[in-house]
C-alpha cells in the first residue's frame, strides 16, 4: 500500500489567508474588495482590480471607486454583474 505524504493544514493556514481576497456585496449598490493589488480600470460602467489570484470586473452603471487604503477598495453604484477571472502564476508576480 502506497503511503500518502502528511500535509500540515495548519502550517499553510497563514500563507493561504494572506493571499485570499474577500468581496462583500451589499444589495446591488456597493461592493468592497479586500486584499487587492492594483486598480486596472474604473469608469462609470466597469471597475477592474487585480488581487493575488483573480482579476475582478464589476459591471454596472454610475460606478465610482473610493477608499483605496490598506489594500481594499469600495465600489458604489448600480452593480449588475461581477466577473472573476483566474490569473496564472506568471501574471501574479
PDB file of N, CA and C in Angstrom:
ATOM      1  N   UNK A   1       0.839  -1.174   0.000  1.00  0.00           N
ATOM      2  CA  UNK A   1       0.000   0.000   0.000  1.00  0.00           C
ATOM      3  C   UNK A   1       0.890   1.244   0.000  1.00  0.00           C
ATOM      4  N   UNK A   2       0.567   2.195  -0.865  1.00  0.00           N
ATOM      5  CA  UNK A   2       1.351   3.411  -1.005  1.00  0.00           C
ATOM      6  C   UNK A   2       1.052   4.373   0.142  1.00  0.00           C
ATOM      7  N   UNK A   3       2.107   4.936   0.693  1.00  0.00           N
ATOM      8  CA  UNK A   3       1.958   5.862   1.813  1.00  0.00           C
ATOM      9  C   UNK A   3       1.712   7.274   1.275  1.00  0.00           C
ATOM     10  N   UNK A   4       0.713   7.933   1.807  1.00  0.00           N
ATOM     11  CA  UNK A   4       0.396   9.303   1.404  1.00  0.00           C
ATOM     12  C   UNK A   4       1.187  10.256   2.286  1.00  0.00           C
ATOM     13  N   UNK A   5       1.901  11.223   1.668  1.00  0.00           N
ATOM     14  CA  UNK A   5       2.682  12.157   2.486  1.00  0.00           C
ATOM     15  C   UNK A   5       1.771  13.003   3.378  1.00  0.00           C
ATOM     16  N   UNK A   6       2.257  13.283   4.564  1.00  0.00           N
ATOM     17  CA  UNK A   6       1.499  14.068   5.530  1.00  0.00           C
ATOM     18  C   UNK A   6       1.617  15.548   5.179  1.00  0.00           C
ATOM     19  N   UNK A   7       0.488  16.210   5.035  1.00  0.00           N
ATOM     20  CA  UNK A   7       0.468  17.646   4.779  1.00  0.00           C
ATOM     21  C   UNK A   7      -0.138  18.343   5.983  1.00  0.00           C
ATOM     22  N   UNK A   8       0.525  19.339   6.458  1.00  0.00           N
ATOM     23  CA  UNK A   8       0.021  20.081   7.606  1.00  0.00           C
ATOM     24  C   UNK A   8      -0.892  21.202   7.126  1.00  0.00           C
ATOM     25  N   UNK A   9      -2.163  21.061   7.384  1.00  0.00           N
ATOM     26  CA  UNK A   9      -3.111  22.113   7.038  1.00  0.00           C
ATOM     27  C   UNK A   9      -2.823  23.375   7.843  1.00  0.00           C
ATOM     28  N   UNK A  10      -2.545  23.220   9.112  1.00  0.00           N
ATOM     29  CA  UNK A  10      -2.347  24.374   9.979  1.00  0.00           C
ATOM     30  C   UNK A  10      -1.098  25.154   9.613  1.00  0.00           C
ATOM     31  N   UNK A  11      -0.106  24.494   9.085  1.00  0.00           N
ATOM     32  CA  UNK A  11       1.107  25.189   8.666  1.00  0.00           C
ATOM     33  C   UNK A  11       0.878  26.085   7.469  1.00  0.00           C
ATOM     34  N   UNK A  12      -0.133  25.770   6.663  1.00  0.00           N
ATOM     35  CA  UNK A  12      -0.413  26.556   5.472  1.00  0.00           C
ATOM     36  C   UNK A  12      -1.486  27.612   5.705  1.00  0.00           C
ATOM     37  N   UNK A  13      -2.140  27.592   6.829  1.00  0.00           N
ATOM     38  CA  UNK A  13      -3.254  28.500   7.068  1.00  0.00           C
ATOM     39  C   UNK A  13      -2.848  29.958   6.941  1.00  0.00           C
ATOM     40  N   UNK A  14      -1.754  30.351   7.560  1.00  0.00           N
ATOM     41  CA  UNK A  14      -1.318  31.741   7.493  1.00  0.00           C
ATOM     42  C   UNK A  14      -1.008  32.148   6.065  1.00  0.00           C
ATOM     43  N   UNK A  15      -0.317  31.279   5.342  1.00  0.00           N
ATOM     44  CA  UNK A  15       0.058  31.589   3.965  1.00  0.00           C
ATOM     45  C   UNK A  15      -1.180  31.758   3.088  1.00  0.00           C
ATOM     46  N   UNK A  16      -2.143  30.859   3.203  1.00  0.00           N
ATOM     47  CA  UNK A  16      -3.342  30.940   2.389  1.00  0.00           C
ATOM     48  C   UNK A  16      -4.197  32.137   2.761  1.00  0.00           C
ATOM     49  N   UNK A  17      -4.291  32.448   4.026  1.00  0.00           N
ATOM     50  CA  UNK A  17      -5.084  33.583   4.462  1.00  0.00           C
ATOM     51  C   UNK A  17      -4.517  34.883   3.928  1.00  0.00           C
ATOM     52  N   UNK A  18      -3.220  35.012   3.891  1.00  0.00           N
ATOM     53  CA  UNK A  18      -2.598  36.239   3.413  1.00  0.00           C
ATOM     54  C   UNK A  18      -2.857  36.455   1.931  1.00  0.00           C
ATOM     55  N   UNK A  19      -3.051  35.395   1.174  1.00  0.00           N
ATOM     56  CA  UNK A  19      -3.272  35.502  -0.259  1.00  0.00           C
ATOM     57  C   UNK A  19      -4.741  35.645  -0.621  1.00  0.00           C
ATOM     58  N   UNK A  20      -5.629  35.360   0.290  1.00  0.00           N
ATOM     59  CA  UNK A  20      -7.058  35.363  -0.007  1.00  0.00           C
ATOM     60  C   UNK A  20      -7.590  36.774  -0.163  1.00  0.00           C
ATOM     61  N   UNK A  21      -8.530  36.918  -1.076  1.00  0.00           N
ATOM     62  CA  UNK A  21      -9.229  38.182  -1.260  1.00  0.00           C
ATOM     63  C   UNK A  21     -10.688  37.970  -0.895  1.00  0.00           C
ATOM     64  N   UNK A  22     -11.311  39.018  -0.405  1.00  0.00           N
ATOM     65  CA  UNK A  22     -12.692  38.937   0.032  1.00  0.00           C
ATOM     66  C   UNK A  22     -13.507  39.995  -0.687  1.00  0.00           C
ATOM     67  N   UNK A  23     -14.704  39.611  -1.125  1.00  0.00           N
ATOM     68  CA  UNK A  23     -15.623  40.552  -1.754  1.00  0.00           C
ATOM     69  C   UNK A  23     -16.894  40.569  -0.919  1.00  0.00           C
ATOM     70  N   UNK A  24     -17.265  41.756  -0.451  1.00  0.00           N
ATOM     71  CA  UNK A  24     -18.523  41.932   0.282  1.00  0.00           C
ATOM     72  C   UNK A  24     -19.445  42.769  -0.595  1.00  0.00           C
ATOM     73  N   UNK A  25     -20.616  42.231  -0.910  1.00  0.00           N
ATOM     74  CA  UNK A  25     -21.567  42.940  -1.763  1.00  0.00           C
ATOM     75  C   UNK A  25     -22.806  43.251  -0.938  1.00  0.00           C
ATOM     76  N   UNK A  26     -23.198  44.528  -0.953  1.00  0.00           N
ATOM     77  CA  UNK A  26     -24.392  44.973  -0.252  1.00  0.00           C
ATOM     78  C   UNK A  26     -25.453  45.298  -1.294  1.00  0.00           C
ATOM     79  N   UNK A  27     -26.498  44.468  -1.330  1.00  0.00           N
ATOM     80  CA  UNK A  27     -27.557  44.598  -2.337  1.00  0.00           C
ATOM     81  C   UNK A  27     -26.919  44.720  -3.723  1.00  0.00           C
ATOM     82  N   UNK A  28     -27.406  45.652  -4.524  1.00  0.00           N
ATOM     83  CA  UNK A  28     -26.796  45.883  -5.835  1.00  0.00           C
ATOM     84  C   UNK A  28     -26.200  47.288  -5.892  1.00  0.00           C
ATOM     85  N   UNK A  29     -25.820  47.813  -4.723  1.00  0.00           N
ATOM     86  CA  UNK A  29     -25.367  49.200  -4.624  1.00  0.00           C
ATOM     87  C   UNK A  29     -23.916  49.389  -4.196  1.00  0.00           C
ATOM     88  N   UNK A  30     -23.297  48.402  -3.574  1.00  0.00           N
ATOM     89  CA  UNK A  30     -21.922  48.589  -3.097  1.00  0.00           C
ATOM     90  C   UNK A  30     -21.189  47.257  -3.026  1.00  0.00           C
ATOM     91  N   UNK A  31     -19.891  47.322  -3.286  1.00  0.00           N
ATOM     92  CA  UNK A  31     -19.022  46.149  -3.148  1.00  0.00           C
ATOM     93  C   UNK A  31     -17.696  46.612  -2.561  1.00  0.00           C
ATOM     94  N   UNK A  32     -17.172  45.842  -1.629  1.00  0.00           N
ATOM     95  CA  UNK A  32     -15.858  46.115  -1.047  1.00  0.00           C
ATOM     96  C   UNK A  32     -14.973  44.915  -1.368  1.00  0.00           C
ATOM     97  N   UNK A  33     -13.825  45.189  -1.975  1.00  0.00           N
ATOM     98  CA  UNK A  33     -12.869  44.138  -2.311  1.00  0.00           C
ATOM     99  C   UNK A  33     -11.653  44.337  -1.425  1.00  0.00           C
ATOM    100  N   UNK A  34     -11.335  43.329  -0.624  1.00  0.00           N
ATOM    101  CA  UNK A  34     -10.188  43.395   0.283  1.00  0.00           C
ATOM    102  C   UNK A  34      -9.022  42.606  -0.292  1.00  0.00           C
ATOM    103  N   UNK A  35      -7.816  43.023   0.045  1.00  0.00           N
ATOM    104  CA  UNK A  35      -6.566  42.410  -0.421  1.00  0.00           C
ATOM    105  C   UNK A  35      -6.387  42.545  -1.924  1.00  0.00           C
ATOM    106  N   UNK A  36      -6.731  43.710  -2.475  1.00  0.00           N
ATOM    107  CA  UNK A  36      -6.483  43.920  -3.896  1.00  0.00           C
ATOM    108  C   UNK A  36      -5.080  44.495  -4.087  1.00  0.00           C
ATOM    109  N   UNK A  37      -4.480  44.165  -5.215  1.00  0.00           N
ATOM    110  CA  UNK A  37      -3.099  44.552  -5.505  1.00  0.00           C
ATOM    111  C   UNK A  37      -3.010  45.789  -6.388  1.00  0.00           C
ATOM    112  N   UNK A  38      -3.967  45.948  -7.316  1.00  0.00           N
ATOM    113  CA  UNK A  38      -3.859  47.024  -8.293  1.00  0.00           C
ATOM    114  C   UNK A  38      -5.231  47.373  -8.855  1.00  0.00           C
ATOM    115  N   UNK A  39      -5.469  48.670  -9.066  1.00  0.00           N
ATOM    116  CA  UNK A  39      -6.650  49.123  -9.792  1.00  0.00           C
ATOM    117  C   UNK A  39      -6.244  49.196 -11.255  1.00  0.00           C
ATOM    118  N   UNK A  40      -6.936  48.462 -12.107  1.00  0.00           N
ATOM    119  CA  UNK A  40      -6.601  48.427 -13.526  1.00  0.00           C
ATOM    120  C   UNK A  40      -7.394  49.472 -14.290  1.00  0.00           C
ATOM    121  N   UNK A  41      -8.683  49.576 -13.995  1.00  0.00           N
ATOM    122  CA  UNK A  41      -9.551  50.475 -14.750  1.00  0.00           C
ATOM    123  C   UNK A  41     -10.774  50.812 -13.917  1.00  0.00           C
ATOM    124  N   UNK A  42     -11.269  52.025 -14.104  1.00  0.00           N
ATOM    125  CA  UNK A  42     -12.519  52.404 -13.452  1.00  0.00           C
ATOM    126  C   UNK A  42     -13.235  53.420 -14.328  1.00  0.00           C
ATOM    127  N   UNK A  43     -14.443  53.094 -14.728  1.00  0.00           N
ATOM    128  CA  UNK A  43     -15.283  54.015 -15.484  1.00  0.00           C
ATOM    129  C   UNK A  43     -16.683  53.946 -14.878  1.00  0.00           C
ATOM    130  N   UNK A  44     -17.627  54.648 -15.477  1.00  0.00           N
ATOM    131  CA  UNK A  44     -18.992  54.622 -14.949  1.00  0.00           C
ATOM    132  C   UNK A  44     -19.673  53.278 -15.141  1.00  0.00           C
ATOM    133  N   UNK A  45     -19.154  52.444 -16.069  1.00  0.00           N
ATOM    134  CA  UNK A  45     -19.820  51.167 -16.340  1.00  0.00           C
ATOM    135  C   UNK A  45     -19.012  49.939 -15.917  1.00  0.00           C
ATOM    136  N   UNK A  46     -17.691  50.106 -15.669  1.00  0.00           N
ATOM    137  CA  UNK A  46     -16.876  48.939 -15.312  1.00  0.00           C
ATOM    138  C   UNK A  46     -15.720  49.334 -14.406  1.00  0.00           C
ATOM    139  N   UNK A  47     -15.501  48.513 -13.376  1.00  0.00           N
ATOM    140  CA  UNK A  47     -14.342  48.674 -12.493  1.00  0.00           C
ATOM    141  C   UNK A  47     -13.583  47.356 -12.511  1.00  0.00           C
ATOM    142  N   UNK A  48     -12.255  47.425 -12.694  1.00  0.00           N
ATOM    143  CA  UNK A  48     -11.439  46.209 -12.753  1.00  0.00           C
ATOM    144  C   UNK A  48     -10.270  46.350 -11.791  1.00  0.00           C
ATOM    145  N   UNK A  49     -10.101  45.353 -10.911  1.00  0.00           N
ATOM    146  CA  UNK A  49      -8.979  45.326  -9.970  1.00  0.00           C
ATOM    147  C   UNK A  49      -8.310  43.958 -10.020  1.00  0.00           C
ATOM    148  N   UNK A  50      -7.039  43.938  -9.638  1.00  0.00           N
ATOM    149  CA  UNK A  50      -6.289  42.693  -9.554  1.00  0.00           C
ATOM    150  C   UNK A  50      -6.089  42.327  -8.097  1.00  0.00           C
ATOM    151  N   UNK A  51      -6.265  41.041  -7.807  1.00  0.00           N
ATOM    152  CA  UNK A  51      -5.942  40.505  -6.489  1.00  0.00           C
ATOM    153  C   UNK A  51      -4.818  39.500  -6.684  1.00  0.00           C
ATOM    154  N   UNK A  52      -4.422  38.818  -5.653  1.00  0.00           N
ATOM    155  CA  UNK A  52      -3.359  37.836  -5.775  1.00  0.00           C
ATOM    156  C   UNK A  52      -3.673  36.724  -6.752  1.00  0.00           C
ATOM    157  N   UNK A  53      -4.925  36.300  -6.815  1.00  0.00           N
ATOM    158  CA  UNK A  53      -5.299  35.153  -7.645  1.00  0.00           C
ATOM    159  C   UNK A  53      -6.285  35.462  -8.762  1.00  0.00           C
ATOM    160  N   UNK A  54      -6.949  36.610  -8.700  1.00  0.00           N
ATOM    161  CA  UNK A  54      -8.019  36.887  -9.653  1.00  0.00           C
ATOM    162  C   UNK A  54      -7.956  38.294 -10.220  1.00  0.00           C
ATOM    163  N   UNK A  55      -8.534  38.431 -11.410  1.00  0.00           N
ATOM    164  CA  UNK A  55      -8.873  39.725 -11.976  1.00  0.00           C
ATOM    165  C   UNK A  55     -10.374  39.844 -11.753  1.00  0.00           C
ATOM    166  N   UNK A  56     -10.807  40.901 -11.099  1.00  0.00           N
ATOM    167  CA  UNK A  56     -12.219  41.065 -10.758  1.00  0.00           C
ATOM    168  C   UNK A  56     -12.777  42.239 -11.543  1.00  0.00           C
ATOM    169  N   UNK A  57     -13.844  41.981 -12.304  1.00  0.00           N
ATOM    170  CA  UNK A  57     -14.536  43.027 -13.050  1.00  0.00           C
ATOM    171  C   UNK A  57     -15.929  43.190 -12.460  1.00  0.00           C
ATOM    172  N   UNK A  58     -16.286  44.425 -12.187  1.00  0.00           N
ATOM    173  CA  UNK A  58     -17.637  44.735 -11.726  1.00  0.00           C
ATOM    174  C   UNK A  58     -18.267  45.625 -12.788  1.00  0.00           C
ATOM    175  N   UNK A  59     -19.400  45.177 -13.333  1.00  0.00           N
ATOM    176  CA  UNK A  59     -20.118  45.897 -14.374  1.00  0.00           C
ATOM    177  C   UNK A  59     -21.393  46.483 -13.797  1.00  0.00           C
ATOM    178  N   UNK A  60     -21.765  47.670 -14.283  1.00  0.00           N
ATOM    179  CA  UNK A  60     -22.982  48.305 -13.822  1.00  0.00           C
ATOM    180  C   UNK A  60     -23.138  49.683 -14.429  1.00  0.00           C
ATOM    181  N   UNK A  61     -23.753  50.579 -13.690  1.00  0.00           N
ATOM    182  CA  UNK A  61     -23.924  51.957 -14.150  1.00  0.00           C
ATOM    183  C   UNK A  61     -23.701  52.902 -12.978  1.00  0.00           C
ATOM    184  N   UNK A  62     -23.175  54.075 -13.296  1.00  0.00           N
ATOM    185  CA  UNK A  62     -22.899  55.067 -12.263  1.00  0.00           C
ATOM    186  C   UNK A  62     -21.887  54.609 -11.231  1.00  0.00           C
ATOM    187  N   UNK A  63     -20.922  53.782 -11.648  1.00  0.00           N
ATOM    188  CA  UNK A  63     -19.945  53.234 -10.699  1.00  0.00           C
ATOM    189  C   UNK A  63     -18.903  54.271 -10.303  1.00  0.00           C
ATOM    190  N   UNK A  64     -18.575  54.295  -9.028  1.00  0.00           N
ATOM    191  CA  UNK A  64     -17.481  55.116  -8.507  1.00  0.00           C
ATOM    192  C   UNK A  64     -16.635  54.243  -7.590  1.00  0.00           C
ATOM    193  N   UNK A  65     -15.362  54.595  -7.503  1.00  0.00           N
ATOM    194  CA  UNK A  65     -14.437  53.824  -6.671  1.00  0.00           C
ATOM    195  C   UNK A  65     -13.855  54.751  -5.612  1.00  0.00           C
ATOM    196  N   UNK A  66     -13.765  54.256  -4.385  1.00  0.00           N
ATOM    197  CA  UNK A  66     -13.204  55.074  -3.308  1.00  0.00           C
ATOM    198  C   UNK A  66     -12.566  54.187  -2.253  1.00  0.00           C
ATOM    199  N   UNK A  67     -11.993  54.838  -1.261  1.00  0.00           N
ATOM    200  CA  UNK A  67     -11.410  54.170  -0.088  1.00  0.00           C
ATOM    201  C   UNK A  67     -10.308  53.181  -0.428  1.00  0.00           C
ATOM    202  N   UNK A  68      -9.428  53.538  -1.364  1.00  0.00           N
ATOM    203  CA  UNK A  68      -8.319  52.633  -1.648  1.00  0.00           C
ATOM    204  C   UNK A  68      -7.245  52.855  -0.591  1.00  0.00           C
ATOM    205  N   UNK A  69      -7.350  52.072   0.464  1.00  0.00           N
ATOM    206  CA  UNK A  69      -6.359  52.123   1.524  1.00  0.00           C
ATOM    207  C   UNK A  69      -6.266  50.733   2.127  1.00  0.00           C
ATOM    208  N   UNK A  70      -5.140  50.415   2.667  1.00  0.00           N
ATOM    209  CA  UNK A  70      -4.936  49.101   3.285  1.00  0.00           C
ATOM    210  C   UNK A  70      -5.322  47.965   2.341  1.00  0.00           C
ATOM    211  N   UNK A  71      -5.008  48.126   1.066  1.00  0.00           N
ATOM    212  CA  UNK A  71      -5.262  47.094   0.055  1.00  0.00           C
ATOM    213  C   UNK A  71      -6.733  46.740  -0.110  1.00  0.00           C
ATOM    214  N   UNK A  72      -7.623  47.685   0.124  1.00  0.00           N
ATOM    215  CA  UNK A  72      -9.040  47.431  -0.129  1.00  0.00           C
ATOM    216  C   UNK A  72      -9.612  48.598  -0.927  1.00  0.00           C
ATOM    217  N   UNK A  73     -10.712  48.326  -1.615  1.00  0.00           N
ATOM    218  CA  UNK A  73     -11.352  49.354  -2.427  1.00  0.00           C
ATOM    219  C   UNK A  73     -12.867  49.181  -2.329  1.00  0.00           C
ATOM    220  N   UNK A  74     -13.586  50.299  -2.372  1.00  0.00           N
ATOM    221  CA  UNK A  74     -15.046  50.266  -2.318  1.00  0.00           C
ATOM    222  C   UNK A  74     -15.594  50.770  -3.650  1.00  0.00           C
ATOM    223  N   UNK A  75     -16.540  50.034  -4.208  1.00  0.00           N
ATOM    224  CA  UNK A  75     -17.169  50.409  -5.469  1.00  0.00           C
ATOM    225  C   UNK A  75     -18.650  50.615  -5.196  1.00  0.00           C
ATOM    226  N   UNK A  76     -19.150  51.791  -5.601  1.00  0.00           N
ATOM    227  CA  UNK A  76     -20.566  52.115  -5.389  1.00  0.00           C
ATOM    228  C   UNK A  76     -21.215  52.432  -6.727  1.00  0.00           C
ATOM    229  N   UNK A  77     -22.501  52.216  -6.791  1.00  0.00           N
ATOM    230  CA  UNK A  77     -23.287  52.457  -7.996  1.00  0.00           C
ATOM    231  C   UNK A  77     -24.280  51.324  -8.163  1.00  0.00           C
ATOM    232  N   UNK A  78     -24.860  51.217  -9.337  1.00  0.00           N
ATOM    233  CA  UNK A  78     -25.812  50.133  -9.643  1.00  0.00           C
ATOM    234  C   UNK A  78     -25.014  48.959 -10.204  1.00  0.00           C
ATOM    235  N   UNK A  79     -24.780  47.923  -9.379  1.00  0.00           N
ATOM    236  CA  UNK A  79     -23.982  46.761  -9.781  1.00  0.00           C
ATOM    237  C   UNK A  79     -24.885  45.759 -10.487  1.00  0.00           C
ATOM    238  N   UNK A  80     -24.473  45.380 -11.703  1.00  0.00           N
ATOM    239  CA  UNK A  80     -25.257  44.427 -12.494  1.00  0.00           C
ATOM    240  C   UNK A  80     -24.608  43.053 -12.572  1.00  0.00           C
ATOM    241  N   UNK A  81     -23.271  42.993 -12.569  1.00  0.00           N
ATOM    242  CA  UNK A  81     -22.607  41.685 -12.610  1.00  0.00           C
ATOM    243  C   UNK A  81     -21.194  41.784 -12.055  1.00  0.00           C
ATOM    244  N   UNK A  82     -20.696  40.635 -11.603  1.00  0.00           N
ATOM    245  CA  UNK A  82     -19.329  40.516 -11.095  1.00  0.00           C
ATOM    246  C   UNK A  82     -18.681  39.354 -11.835  1.00  0.00           C
ATOM    247  N   UNK A  83     -17.501  39.600 -12.400  1.00  0.00           N
ATOM    248  CA  UNK A  83     -16.792  38.570 -13.165  1.00  0.00           C
ATOM    249  C   UNK A  83     -15.445  38.303 -12.506  1.00  0.00           C
ATOM    250  N   UNK A  84     -15.152  37.022 -12.255  1.00  0.00           N
ATOM    251  CA  UNK A  84     -13.864  36.605 -11.695  1.00  0.00           C
ATOM    252  C   UNK A  84     -13.098  35.840 -12.766  1.00  0.00           C
ATOM    253  N   UNK A  85     -11.864  36.272 -13.032  1.00  0.00           N
ATOM    254  CA  UNK A  85     -11.008  35.579 -13.988  1.00  0.00           C
ATOM    255  C   UNK A  85      -9.751  35.160 -13.241  1.00  0.00           C
ATOM    256  N   UNK A  86      -9.483  33.864 -13.217  1.00  0.00           N
ATOM    257  CA  UNK A  86      -8.300  33.350 -12.526  1.00  0.00           C
ATOM    258  C   UNK A  86      -7.035  33.812 -13.238  1.00  0.00           C
ATOM    259  N   UNK A  87      -6.058  34.274 -12.465  1.00  0.00           N
ATOM    260  CA  UNK A  87      -4.785  34.718 -13.026  1.00  0.00           C
ATOM    261  C   UNK A  87      -3.781  33.581 -12.941  1.00  0.00           C
ATOM    262  N   UNK A  88      -2.953  33.448 -13.979  1.00  0.00           N
ATOM    263  CA  UNK A  88      -1.913  32.415 -13.959  1.00  0.00           C
ATOM    264  C   UNK A  88      -0.820  32.829 -12.984  1.00  0.00           C
ATOM    265  N   UNK A  89       0.008  31.894 -12.596  1.00  0.00           N
ATOM    266  CA  UNK A  89       1.097  32.180 -11.654  1.00  0.00           C
ATOM    267  C   UNK A  89       2.036  33.230 -12.231  1.00  0.00           C
ATOM    268  N   UNK A  90       2.280  33.203 -13.519  1.00  0.00           N
ATOM    269  CA  UNK A  90       3.161  34.184 -14.161  1.00  0.00           C
ATOM    270  C   UNK A  90       2.589  35.596 -14.036  1.00  0.00           C
ATOM    271  N   UNK A  91       1.276  35.753 -14.200  1.00  0.00           N
ATOM    272  CA  UNK A  91       0.641  37.062 -14.099  1.00  0.00           C
ATOM    273  C   UNK A  91       0.642  37.598 -12.678  1.00  0.00           C
ATOM    274  N   UNK A  92       0.687  36.715 -11.688  1.00  0.00           N
ATOM    275  CA  UNK A  92       0.609  37.125 -10.280  1.00  0.00           C
ATOM    276  C   UNK A  92       1.870  37.827  -9.804  1.00  0.00           C
ATOM    277  N   UNK A  93       3.009  37.499 -10.388  1.00  0.00           N
ATOM    278  CA  UNK A  93       4.294  38.010  -9.932  1.00  0.00           C
ATOM    279  C   UNK A  93       4.384  39.455  -9.977  1.00  0.00           C
TER     280      UNK A  93
END
